[in-house]
Amino acid sequence: MSTESQKQMHKSSNDQDNEEVYEWIRQFQENPTEEVQTKLVKHFEQLVQSLARKFSRGQDHDDDLYQVGMIGLLAALRRFDDSYNRSFESFAVPTIVGEIKRFIRDKTWSVHVPRRIKELGPRIKKAVEDLTSDLQRSPQVEEIASYLDVSEEEVLETMEMGKSYQALSVDRSIEADQEGSAVTLLDLVGSTEEGYEKTDQHLLLEKAFTVLTDREKEILQCTYFDNLSQKETGEQLGISQMHVSRLQRRALQKLRDSIRVEPSECL
């Protein structure tokens, strides 16, 4: 048998298989029995698995994303219309990916992060890629903000919040020495007398606060001592949230310069 003949037979077989699958889809839409649903799930299982692995990011979400992807698959099966002469796969993939992305955005963060921050994160990542290609260098924050038509504060906040995607457990084992004896992060955290530390911090901050203006002191009082958000602070002081953010950053920088310590030690 010639190679051309084999190709034609293979193509004919694929066409028959596809027609059978589309018949299953029509049956599922008219009468969604467990039997036909099982056939469709098994047929498109590899497609869903491949999409789930693509978005798992090595964070052990494979099983969850697979289940979410299956929800997207079933939704696509219900809505598919073959009268548009479009393959089911080209219709289903965006639906499955959409479900997976929503799950990642809403369910896989270790701490609560505002939805606008979750949605802005991927946009910033794409903007950085585009700007890096256009500028042939890493873009600055103001360039990213201008590209996305958002404020610099929003870009900075999103980049900082992005670190909250996955918290590291204190029970995680760490190789402590060459012999391979393992300890956890919690084992490495020492116990200190909080009274001495608080006294030192109070004296240090009392001295450092003399470099701040009255307005800057009010900002820090509201945001760090009264636990108000920047928006609430702005409303209380009669200024914009953006202005609060700028004054807050300036005040913190003054404190760092005054007490000459690392930013993480300042607060």
C-alpha atoms as a PDB file:
ATOM      1  CA  MET A   1       0.000   0.000   0.000  1.00  0.00           C
ATOM      2  CA  SER A   2       1.373   3.443  -0.955  1.00  0.00           C
ATOM      3  CA  THR A   3       2.106   6.188   1.555  1.00  0.00           C
ATOM      4  CA  GLU A   4      -0.560   8.378  -0.062  1.00  0.00           C
ATOM      5  CA  SER A   5      -3.147   5.673   0.391  1.00  0.00           C
ATOM      6  CA  GLN A   6      -2.206   5.273   4.031  1.00  0.00           C
ATOM      7  CA  LYS A   7      -2.590   9.035   4.565  1.00  0.00           C
ATOM      8  CA  GLN A   8      -6.019   9.002   2.996  1.00  0.00           C
ATOM      9  CA  MET A   9      -7.124   6.096   5.165  1.00  0.00           C
ATOM     10  CA  HIS A  10      -5.786   7.835   8.270  1.00  0.00           C
ATOM     11  CA  LYS A  11      -7.605  11.045   7.335  1.00  0.00           C
ATOM     12  CA  SER A  12     -10.822   9.121   6.720  1.00  0.00           C
ATOM     13  CA  SER A  13     -10.495   7.431  10.106  1.00  0.00           C
ATOM     14  CA  ASN A  14      -9.953  10.792  11.839  1.00  0.00           C
ATOM     15  CA  ASP A  15     -12.985  12.271  10.089  1.00  0.00           C
ATOM     16  CA  GLN A  16     -15.104   9.362  11.292  1.00  0.00           C
ATOM     17  CA  ASP A  17     -13.796   9.775  14.844  1.00  0.00           C
ATOM     18  CA  ASN A  18     -14.510  13.530  14.787  1.00  0.00           C
ATOM     19  CA  GLU A  19     -18.025  12.966  13.489  1.00  0.00           C
ATOM     20  CA  GLU A  20     -18.633  10.507  16.293  1.00  0.00           C
ATOM     21  CA  VAL A  21     -17.395  13.054  18.879  1.00  0.00           C
ATOM     22  CA  TYR A  22     -19.640  15.774  17.439  1.00  0.00           C
ATOM     23  CA  GLU A  23     -22.542  13.353  17.600  1.00  0.00           C
ATOM     24  CA  TRP A  24     -21.752  12.807  21.297  1.00  0.00           C
ATOM     25  CA  ILE A  25     -21.771  16.583  21.806  1.00  0.00           C
ATOM     26  CA  ARG A  26     -25.188  16.865  20.146  1.00  0.00           C
ATOM     27  CA  GLN A  27     -26.495  14.054  22.359  1.00  0.00           C
ATOM     28  CA  PHE A  28     -25.031  15.738  25.449  1.00  0.00           C
ATOM     29  CA  GLN A  29     -26.757  19.023  24.623  1.00  0.00           C
ATOM     30  CA  GLU A  30     -30.108  17.336  23.977  1.00  0.00           C
ATOM     31  CA  ASN A  31     -30.014  14.768  26.770  1.00  0.00           C
ATOM     32  CA  PRO A  32     -26.929  15.016  29.050  1.00  0.00           C
ATOM     33  CA  THR A  33     -26.756  11.441  30.303  1.00  0.00           C
ATOM     34  CA  GLU A  34     -23.874  10.243  32.456  1.00  0.00           C
ATOM     35  CA  GLU A  35     -22.830   7.809  29.727  1.00  0.00           C
ATOM     36  CA  VAL A  36     -22.296  10.398  26.996  1.00  0.00           C
ATOM     37  CA  GLN A  37     -20.729  12.850  29.441  1.00  0.00           C
ATOM     38  CA  THR A  38     -18.196  10.200  30.446  1.00  0.00           C
ATOM     39  CA  LYS A  39     -17.320   9.556  26.790  1.00  0.00           C
ATOM     40  CA  LEU A  40     -16.698  13.268  26.188  1.00  0.00           C
ATOM     41  CA  VAL A  41     -14.697  13.745  29.390  1.00  0.00           C
ATOM     42  CA  LYS A  42     -12.423  10.831  28.517  1.00  0.00           C
ATOM     43  CA  HIS A  43     -12.001  12.057  24.954  1.00  0.00           C
ATOM     44  CA  PHE A  44     -10.967  15.594  25.965  1.00  0.00           C
ATOM     45  CA  GLU A  45      -9.166  14.602  29.170  1.00  0.00           C
ATOM     46  CA  GLN A  46      -5.670  15.120  27.735  1.00  0.00           C
ATOM     47  CA  LEU A  47      -6.593  18.592  26.467  1.00  0.00           C
ATOM     48  CA  VAL A  48      -7.726  19.673  29.934  1.00  0.00           C
ATOM     49  CA  GLN A  49      -4.686  18.100  31.599  1.00  0.00           C
ATOM     50  CA  SER A  50      -2.271  19.887  29.272  1.00  0.00           C
ATOM     51  CA  LEU A  51      -3.922  23.266  29.978  1.00  0.00           C
ATOM     52  CA  ALA A  52      -3.941  22.610  33.739  1.00  0.00           C
ATOM     53  CA  ARG A  53      -0.222  21.777  33.732  1.00  0.00           C
ATOM     54  CA  LYS A  54       0.515  24.923  31.729  1.00  0.00           C
ATOM     55  CA  PHE A  55      -0.988  27.128  34.431  1.00  0.00           C
ATOM     56  CA  SER A  56       0.023  25.163  37.545  1.00  0.00           C
ATOM     57  CA  ARG A  57       3.367  27.044  37.811  1.00  0.00           C
ATOM     58  CA  GLY A  58       4.831  24.168  39.796  1.00  0.00           C
ATOM     59  CA  GLN A  59       2.702  25.152  42.818  1.00  0.00           C
ATOM     60  CA  ASP A  60       0.990  21.772  43.307  1.00  0.00           C
ATOM     61  CA  HIS A  61      -2.285  23.026  41.870  1.00  0.00           C
ATOM     62  CA  ASP A  62      -2.469  20.384  39.116  1.00  0.00           C
ATOM     63  CA  ASP A  63      -5.422  18.455  40.556  1.00  0.00           C
ATOM     64  CA  ASP A  64      -7.389  21.582  41.432  1.00  0.00           C
ATOM     65  CA  LEU A  65      -6.785  23.154  38.036  1.00  0.00           C
ATOM     66  CA  TYR A  66      -7.734  19.914  36.307  1.00  0.00           C
ATOM     67  CA  GLN A  67     -11.082  19.851  38.122  1.00  0.00           C
ATOM     68  CA  VAL A  68     -11.673  23.522  37.305  1.00  0.00           C
ATOM     69  CA  GLY A  69     -10.692  22.861  33.712  1.00  0.00           C
ATOM     70  CA  MET A  70     -13.293  20.102  33.545  1.00  0.00           C
ATOM     71  CA  ILE A  71     -15.933  22.589  34.680  1.00  0.00           C
ATOM     72  CA  GLY A  72     -14.872  24.786  31.781  1.00  0.00           C
ATOM     73  CA  LEU A  73     -15.013  21.821  29.404  1.00  0.00           C
ATOM     74  CA  LEU A  74     -18.582  20.972  30.409  1.00  0.00           C
ATOM     75  CA  ALA A  75     -19.593  24.606  30.007  1.00  0.00           C
ATOM     76  CA  ALA A  76     -18.090  24.638  26.512  1.00  0.00           C
ATOM     77  CA  LEU A  77     -19.895  21.398  25.618  1.00  0.00           C
ATOM     78  CA  ARG A  78     -23.228  22.941  26.615  1.00  0.00           C
ATOM     79  CA  ARG A  79     -22.679  26.149  24.627  1.00  0.00           C
ATOM     80  CA  PHE A  80     -20.934  24.826  21.508  1.00  0.00           C
ATOM     81  CA  ASP A  81     -22.713  25.497  18.211  1.00  0.00           C
ATOM     82  CA  ASP A  82     -21.332  23.542  15.246  1.00  0.00           C
ATOM     83  CA  SER A  83     -23.331  25.641  12.767  1.00  0.00           C
ATOM     84  CA  TYR A  84     -20.487  28.180  12.842  1.00  0.00           C
ATOM     85  CA  ASN A  85     -18.174  25.611  11.210  1.00  0.00           C
ATOM     86  CA  ARG A  86     -15.652  26.009  14.012  1.00  0.00           C
ATOM     87  CA  SER A  87     -13.826  23.129  15.658  1.00  0.00           C
ATOM     88  CA  PHE A  88     -14.867  22.311  19.186  1.00  0.00           C
ATOM     89  CA  GLU A  89     -11.282  22.550  20.466  1.00  0.00           C
ATOM     90  CA  SER A  90     -10.880  26.138  19.224  1.00  0.00           C
ATOM     91  CA  PHE A  91     -14.115  27.014  21.040  1.00  0.00           C
ATOM     92  CA  ALA A  92     -13.381  25.068  24.227  1.00  0.00           C
ATOM     93  CA  VAL A  93      -9.801  26.155  24.957  1.00  0.00           C
ATOM     94  CA  PRO A  94     -10.630  29.831  25.756  1.00  0.00           C
ATOM     95  CA  THR A  95     -13.494  28.701  27.998  1.00  0.00           C
ATOM     96  CA  ILE A  96     -11.318  26.208  29.890  1.00  0.00           C
ATOM     97  CA  VAL A  97      -8.448  28.693  30.215  1.00  0.00           C
ATOM     98  CA  GLY A  98     -10.874  31.354  31.462  1.00  0.00           C
ATOM     99  CA  GLU A  99     -12.099  29.085  34.256  1.00  0.00           C
ATOM    100  CA  ILE A 100      -8.529  28.194  35.240  1.00  0.00           C
ATOM    101  CA  LYS A 101      -7.412  31.831  35.294  1.00  0.00           C
ATOM    102  CA  ARG A 102     -10.391  32.836  37.451  1.00  0.00           C
ATOM    103  CA  PHE A 103      -9.562  30.065  39.900  1.00  0.00           C
ATOM    104  CA  ILE A 104      -5.922  31.146  40.086  1.00  0.00           C
ATOM    105  CA  ARG A 105      -6.936  34.781  40.570  1.00  0.00           C
ATOM    106  CA  ASP A 106      -9.504  34.125  43.287  1.00  0.00           C
ATOM    107  CA  LYS A 107      -8.405  30.977  45.128  1.00  0.00           C
ATOM    108  CA  THR A 108      -4.638  30.412  45.065  1.00  0.00           C
ATOM    109  CA  TRP A 109      -3.297  33.429  46.991  1.00  0.00           C
ATOM    110  CA  SER A 110      -1.957  32.666  50.457  1.00  0.00           C
ATOM    111  CA  VAL A 111      -3.272  35.938  51.898  1.00  0.00           C
ATOM    112  CA  HIS A 112      -6.226  38.138  50.969  1.00  0.00           C
ATOM    113  CA  VAL A 113      -5.373  40.508  48.146  1.00  0.00           C
ATOM    114  CA  PRO A 114      -7.829  42.968  46.550  1.00  0.00           C
ATOM    115  CA  ARG A 115      -9.264  41.788  43.250  1.00  0.00           C
ATOM    116  CA  ARG A 116      -7.994  44.865  41.375  1.00  0.00           C
ATOM    117  CA  ILE A 117      -4.435  43.944  42.412  1.00  0.00           C
ATOM    118  CA  LYS A 118      -4.871  40.368  41.186  1.00  0.00           C
ATOM    119  CA  GLU A 119      -6.185  41.609  37.846  1.00  0.00           C
ATOM    120  CA  LEU A 120      -3.504  44.270  37.420  1.00  0.00           C
ATOM    121  CA  GLY A 121      -0.654  41.818  38.060  1.00  0.00           C
ATOM    122  CA  PRO A 122      -0.852  39.984  34.695  1.00  0.00           C
ATOM    123  CA  ARG A 123      -1.252  43.314  32.887  1.00  0.00           C
ATOM    124  CA  ILE A 124       1.939  44.612  34.489  1.00  0.00           C
ATOM    125  CA  LYS A 125       3.800  41.440  33.543  1.00  0.00           C
ATOM    126  CA  LYS A 126       2.692  41.800  29.914  1.00  0.00           C
ATOM    127  CA  ALA A 127       3.560  45.523  29.929  1.00  0.00           C
ATOM    128  CA  VAL A 128       7.058  44.805  31.231  1.00  0.00           C
ATOM    129  CA  GLU A 129       7.604  42.268  28.434  1.00  0.00           C
ATOM    130  CA  ASP A 130       6.348  44.681  25.759  1.00  0.00           C
ATOM    131  CA  LEU A 131       8.280  47.687  27.070  1.00  0.00           C
ATOM    132  CA  THR A 132      11.477  45.685  27.522  1.00  0.00           C
ATOM    133  CA  SER A 133      11.226  44.639  23.883  1.00  0.00           C
ATOM    134  CA  ASP A 134      10.507  48.182  22.692  1.00  0.00           C
ATOM    135  CA  LEU A 135      13.018  49.997  24.887  1.00  0.00           C
ATOM    136  CA  GLN A 136      15.723  47.293  24.917  1.00  0.00           C
ATOM    137  CA  ARG A 137      16.010  47.748  28.676  1.00  0.00           C
ATOM    138  CA  SER A 138      13.965  47.180  31.814  1.00  0.00           C
ATOM    139  CA  PRO A 139      11.151  49.751  32.041  1.00  0.00           C
ATOM    140  CA  GLN A 140      10.823  52.140  34.967  1.00  0.00           C
ATOM    141  CA  VAL A 141       7.738  52.261  37.177  1.00  0.00           C
ATOM    142  CA  GLU A 142       6.494  55.511  35.641  1.00  0.00           C
ATOM    143  CA  GLU A 143       6.809  54.010  32.162  1.00  0.00           C
ATOM    144  CA  ILE A 144       4.770  50.956  33.162  1.00  0.00           C
ATOM    145  CA  ALA A 145       2.133  53.175  34.771  1.00  0.00           C
ATOM    146  CA  SER A 146       1.899  55.370  31.667  1.00  0.00           C
ATOM    147  CA  TYR A 147       1.684  52.315  29.391  1.00  0.00           C
ATOM    148  CA  LEU A 148      -1.224  50.873  31.399  1.00  0.00           C
ATOM    149  CA  ASP A 149      -2.847  54.238  32.190  1.00  0.00           C
ATOM    150  CA  VAL A 150      -2.732  53.613  35.942  1.00  0.00           C
ATOM    151  CA  SER A 151      -0.962  55.429  38.789  1.00  0.00           C
ATOM    152  CA  GLU A 152       2.596  54.682  39.856  1.00  0.00           C
ATOM    153  CA  GLU A 153       1.225  53.859  43.329  1.00  0.00           C
ATOM    154  CA  GLU A 154      -0.998  51.149  41.843  1.00  0.00           C
ATOM    155  CA  VAL A 155       1.945  49.617  39.989  1.00  0.00           C
ATOM    156  CA  LEU A 156       4.129  49.632  43.117  1.00  0.00           C
ATOM    157  CA  GLU A 157       1.331  48.237  45.272  1.00  0.00           C
ATOM    158  CA  THR A 158       0.633  45.447  42.801  1.00  0.00           C
ATOM    159  CA  MET A 159       4.298  44.501  42.501  1.00  0.00           C
ATOM    160  CA  GLU A 160       4.585  44.384  46.292  1.00  0.00           C
ATOM    161  CA  MET A 161       1.351  42.424  46.721  1.00  0.00           C
ATOM    162  CA  GLY A 162       2.561  39.928  44.129  1.00  0.00           C
ATOM    163  CA  LYS A 163       4.913  38.594  46.775  1.00  0.00           C
ATOM    164  CA  SER A 164       1.851  37.395  48.694  1.00  0.00           C
ATOM    165  CA  TYR A 165       0.971  34.807  46.047  1.00  0.00           C
ATOM    166  CA  GLN A 166       2.394  31.940  48.052  1.00  0.00           C
ATOM    167  CA  ALA A 167       3.455  32.128  51.676  1.00  0.00           C
ATOM    168  CA  LEU A 168       6.168  29.765  52.926  1.00  0.00           C
ATOM    169  CA  SER A 169       5.084  27.475  55.743  1.00  0.00           C
ATOM    170  CA  VAL A 170       7.077  27.727  58.996  1.00  0.00           C
ATOM    171  CA  ASP A 171       6.901  23.922  59.157  1.00  0.00           C
ATOM    172  CA  ARG A 172       8.827  23.530  55.907  1.00  0.00           C
ATOM    173  CA  SER A 173      11.988  21.445  56.331  1.00  0.00           C
ATOM    174  CA  ILE A 174      15.377  22.961  55.567  1.00  0.00           C
ATOM    175  CA  GLU A 175      18.720  21.206  55.138  1.00  0.00           C
ATOM    176  CA  ALA A 176      20.643  22.681  58.032  1.00  0.00           C
ATOM    177  CA  ASP A 177      24.087  21.164  57.540  1.00  0.00           C
ATOM    178  CA  GLN A 178      26.217  18.949  55.334  1.00  0.00           C
ATOM    179  CA  GLU A 179      25.093  15.822  57.158  1.00  0.00           C
ATOM    180  CA  GLY A 180      21.555  16.445  55.960  1.00  0.00           C
ATOM    181  CA  SER A 181      19.921  16.942  59.347  1.00  0.00           C
ATOM    182  CA  ALA A 182      16.710  18.842  58.727  1.00  0.00           C
ATOM    183  CA  VAL A 183      15.107  21.589  60.770  1.00  0.00           C
ATOM    184  CA  THR A 184      12.059  23.731  60.053  1.00  0.00           C
ATOM    185  CA  LEU A 185      11.894  27.467  59.593  1.00  0.00           C
ATOM    186  CA  LEU A 186      10.187  27.678  62.962  1.00  0.00           C
ATOM    187  CA  ASP A 187      13.201  26.004  64.584  1.00  0.00           C
ATOM    188  CA  LEU A 188      15.381  28.857  63.369  1.00  0.00           C
ATOM    189  CA  VAL A 189      13.201  31.547  64.895  1.00  0.00           C
ATOM    190  CA  GLY A 190      14.628  32.555  68.246  1.00  0.00           C
ATOM    191  CA  SER A 191      12.658  33.688  71.274  1.00  0.00           C
ATOM    192  CA  THR A 192      13.320  37.228  72.469  1.00  0.00           C
ATOM    193  CA  GLU A 193      12.121  39.352  75.340  1.00  0.00           C
ATOM    194  CA  GLU A 194       9.634  41.695  73.721  1.00  0.00           C
ATOM    195  CA  GLY A 195       9.752  44.276  76.515  1.00  0.00           C
ATOM    196  CA  TYR A 196      13.318  45.379  75.798  1.00  0.00           C
ATOM    197  CA  GLU A 197      12.711  45.508  72.068  1.00  0.00           C
ATOM    198  CA  LYS A 198       9.565  47.643  72.408  1.00  0.00           C
ATOM    199  CA  THR A 199      11.345  50.080  74.696  1.00  0.00           C
ATOM    200  CA  ASP A 200      14.233  50.442  72.249  1.00  0.00           C
ATOM    201  CA  GLN A 201      11.856  50.936  69.337  1.00  0.00           C
ATOM    202  CA  HIS A 202       9.838  53.528  71.226  1.00  0.00           C
ATOM    203  CA  LEU A 203      12.929  55.572  72.089  1.00  0.00           C
ATOM    204  CA  LEU A 204      14.261  55.249  68.564  1.00  0.00           C
ATOM    205  CA  LEU A 205      11.013  56.317  66.915  1.00  0.00           C
ATOM    206  CA  GLU A 206      10.488  59.148  69.393  1.00  0.00           C
ATOM    207  CA  LYS A 207      13.828  60.595  68.362  1.00  0.00           C
ATOM    208  CA  ALA A 208      13.319  59.908  64.651  1.00  0.00           C
ATOM    209  CA  PHE A 209       9.859  61.485  64.539  1.00  0.00           C
ATOM    210  CA  THR A 210      11.376  64.927  65.114  1.00  0.00           C
ATOM    211  CA  VAL A 211      12.419  64.999  61.418  1.00  0.00           C
ATOM    212  CA  LEU A 212       8.814  64.725  60.229  1.00  0.00           C
ATOM    213  CA  THR A 213       6.344  67.508  59.478  1.00  0.00           C
ATOM    214  CA  ASP A 214       3.046  67.586  61.352  1.00  0.00           C
ATOM    215  CA  ARG A 215       1.207  66.310  58.282  1.00  0.00           C
ATOM    216  CA  GLU A 216       3.633  63.399  57.877  1.00  0.00           C
ATOM    217  CA  LYS A 217       3.171  62.512  61.541  1.00  0.00           C
ATOM    218  CA  GLU A 218      -0.599  62.516  61.039  1.00  0.00           C
ATOM    219  CA  ILE A 219      -0.273  60.206  58.064  1.00  0.00           C
ATOM    220  CA  LEU A 220       1.804  57.647  59.985  1.00  0.00           C
ATOM    221  CA  GLN A 221      -0.443  57.945  63.027  1.00  0.00           C
ATOM    222  CA  CYS A 222      -3.493  57.091  60.934  1.00  0.00           C
ATOM    223  CA  THR A 223      -1.988  54.346  58.774  1.00  0.00           C
ATOM    224  CA  TYR A 224       0.240  52.539  61.283  1.00  0.00           C
ATOM    225  CA  PHE A 225      -1.091  53.304  64.749  1.00  0.00           C
ATOM    226  CA  ASP A 226      -4.826  53.717  64.045  1.00  0.00           C
ATOM    227  CA  ASN A 227      -4.745  50.987  61.352  1.00  0.00           C
ATOM    228  CA  LEU A 228      -6.632  53.064  58.792  1.00  0.00           C
ATOM    229  CA  SER A 229      -6.307  52.402  55.088  1.00  0.00           C
ATOM    230  CA  GLN A 230      -4.836  55.057  52.806  1.00  0.00           C
ATOM    231  CA  LYS A 231      -8.326  55.820  51.521  1.00  0.00           C
ATOM    232  CA  GLU A 232      -9.727  56.216  55.054  1.00  0.00           C
ATOM    233  CA  THR A 233      -6.748  58.352  56.026  1.00  0.00           C
ATOM    234  CA  GLY A 234      -7.303  60.616  53.024  1.00  0.00           C
ATOM    235  CA  GLU A 235     -10.977  61.033  53.875  1.00  0.00           C
ATOM    236  CA  GLN A 236     -10.144  61.858  57.496  1.00  0.00           C
ATOM    237  CA  LEU A 237      -7.477  64.417  56.575  1.00  0.00           C
ATOM    238  CA  GLY A 238      -9.273  65.830  53.549  1.00  0.00           C
ATOM    239  CA  ILE A 239      -6.664  64.843  50.962  1.00  0.00           C
ATOM    240  CA  SER A 240      -6.513  62.297  48.129  1.00  0.00           C
ATOM    241  CA  GLN A 241      -5.412  58.690  48.555  1.00  0.00           C
ATOM    242  CA  MET A 242      -2.557  59.311  46.119  1.00  0.00           C
ATOM    243  CA  HIS A 243      -1.378  62.240  48.227  1.00  0.00           C
ATOM    244  CA  VAL A 244      -1.506  60.047  51.333  1.00  0.00           C
ATOM    245  CA  SER A 245       0.615  57.428  49.561  1.00  0.00           C
ATOM    246  CA  ARG A 246       3.249  59.981  48.521  1.00  0.00           C
ATOM    247  CA  LEU A 247       3.446  61.551  51.990  1.00  0.00           C
ATOM    248  CA  GLN A 248       3.632  58.121  53.604  1.00  0.00           C
ATOM    249  CA  ARG A 249       6.555  57.035  51.412  1.00  0.00           C
ATOM    250  CA  ARG A 250       8.355  60.332  52.013  1.00  0.00           C
ATOM    251  CA  ALA A 251       7.855  60.082  55.778  1.00  0.00           C
ATOM    252  CA  LEU A 252       9.140  56.506  55.892  1.00  0.00           C
ATOM    253  CA  GLN A 253      12.200  57.466  53.861  1.00  0.00           C
ATOM    254  CA  LYS A 254      12.930  60.304  56.280  1.00  0.00           C
ATOM    255  CA  LEU A 255      12.701  57.886  59.206  1.00  0.00           C
ATOM    256  CA  ARG A 256      15.015  55.394  57.527  1.00  0.00           C
ATOM    257  CA  ASP A 257      17.560  58.087  56.781  1.00  0.00           C
ATOM    258  CA  SER A 258      17.287  59.403  60.332  1.00  0.00           C
ATOM    259  CA  ILE A 259      17.797  56.145  62.183  1.00  0.00           C
ATOM    260  CA  ARG A 260      20.107  54.637  59.506  1.00  0.00           C
ATOM    261  CA  VAL A 261      18.666  51.121  59.425  1.00  0.00           C
ATOM    262  CA  GLU A 262      17.351  48.822  56.746  1.00  0.00           C
ATOM    263  CA  PRO A 263      13.742  49.388  55.628  1.00  0.00           C
ATOM    264  CA  SER A 264      12.635  46.062  57.136  1.00  0.00           C
ATOM    265  CA  GLU A 265      13.883  47.181  60.530  1.00  0.00           C
ATOM    266  CA  CYS A 266      12.199  50.537  60.454  1.00  0.00           C
ATOM    267  CA  LEU A 267       8.733  49.396  61.452  1.00  0.00           C
END
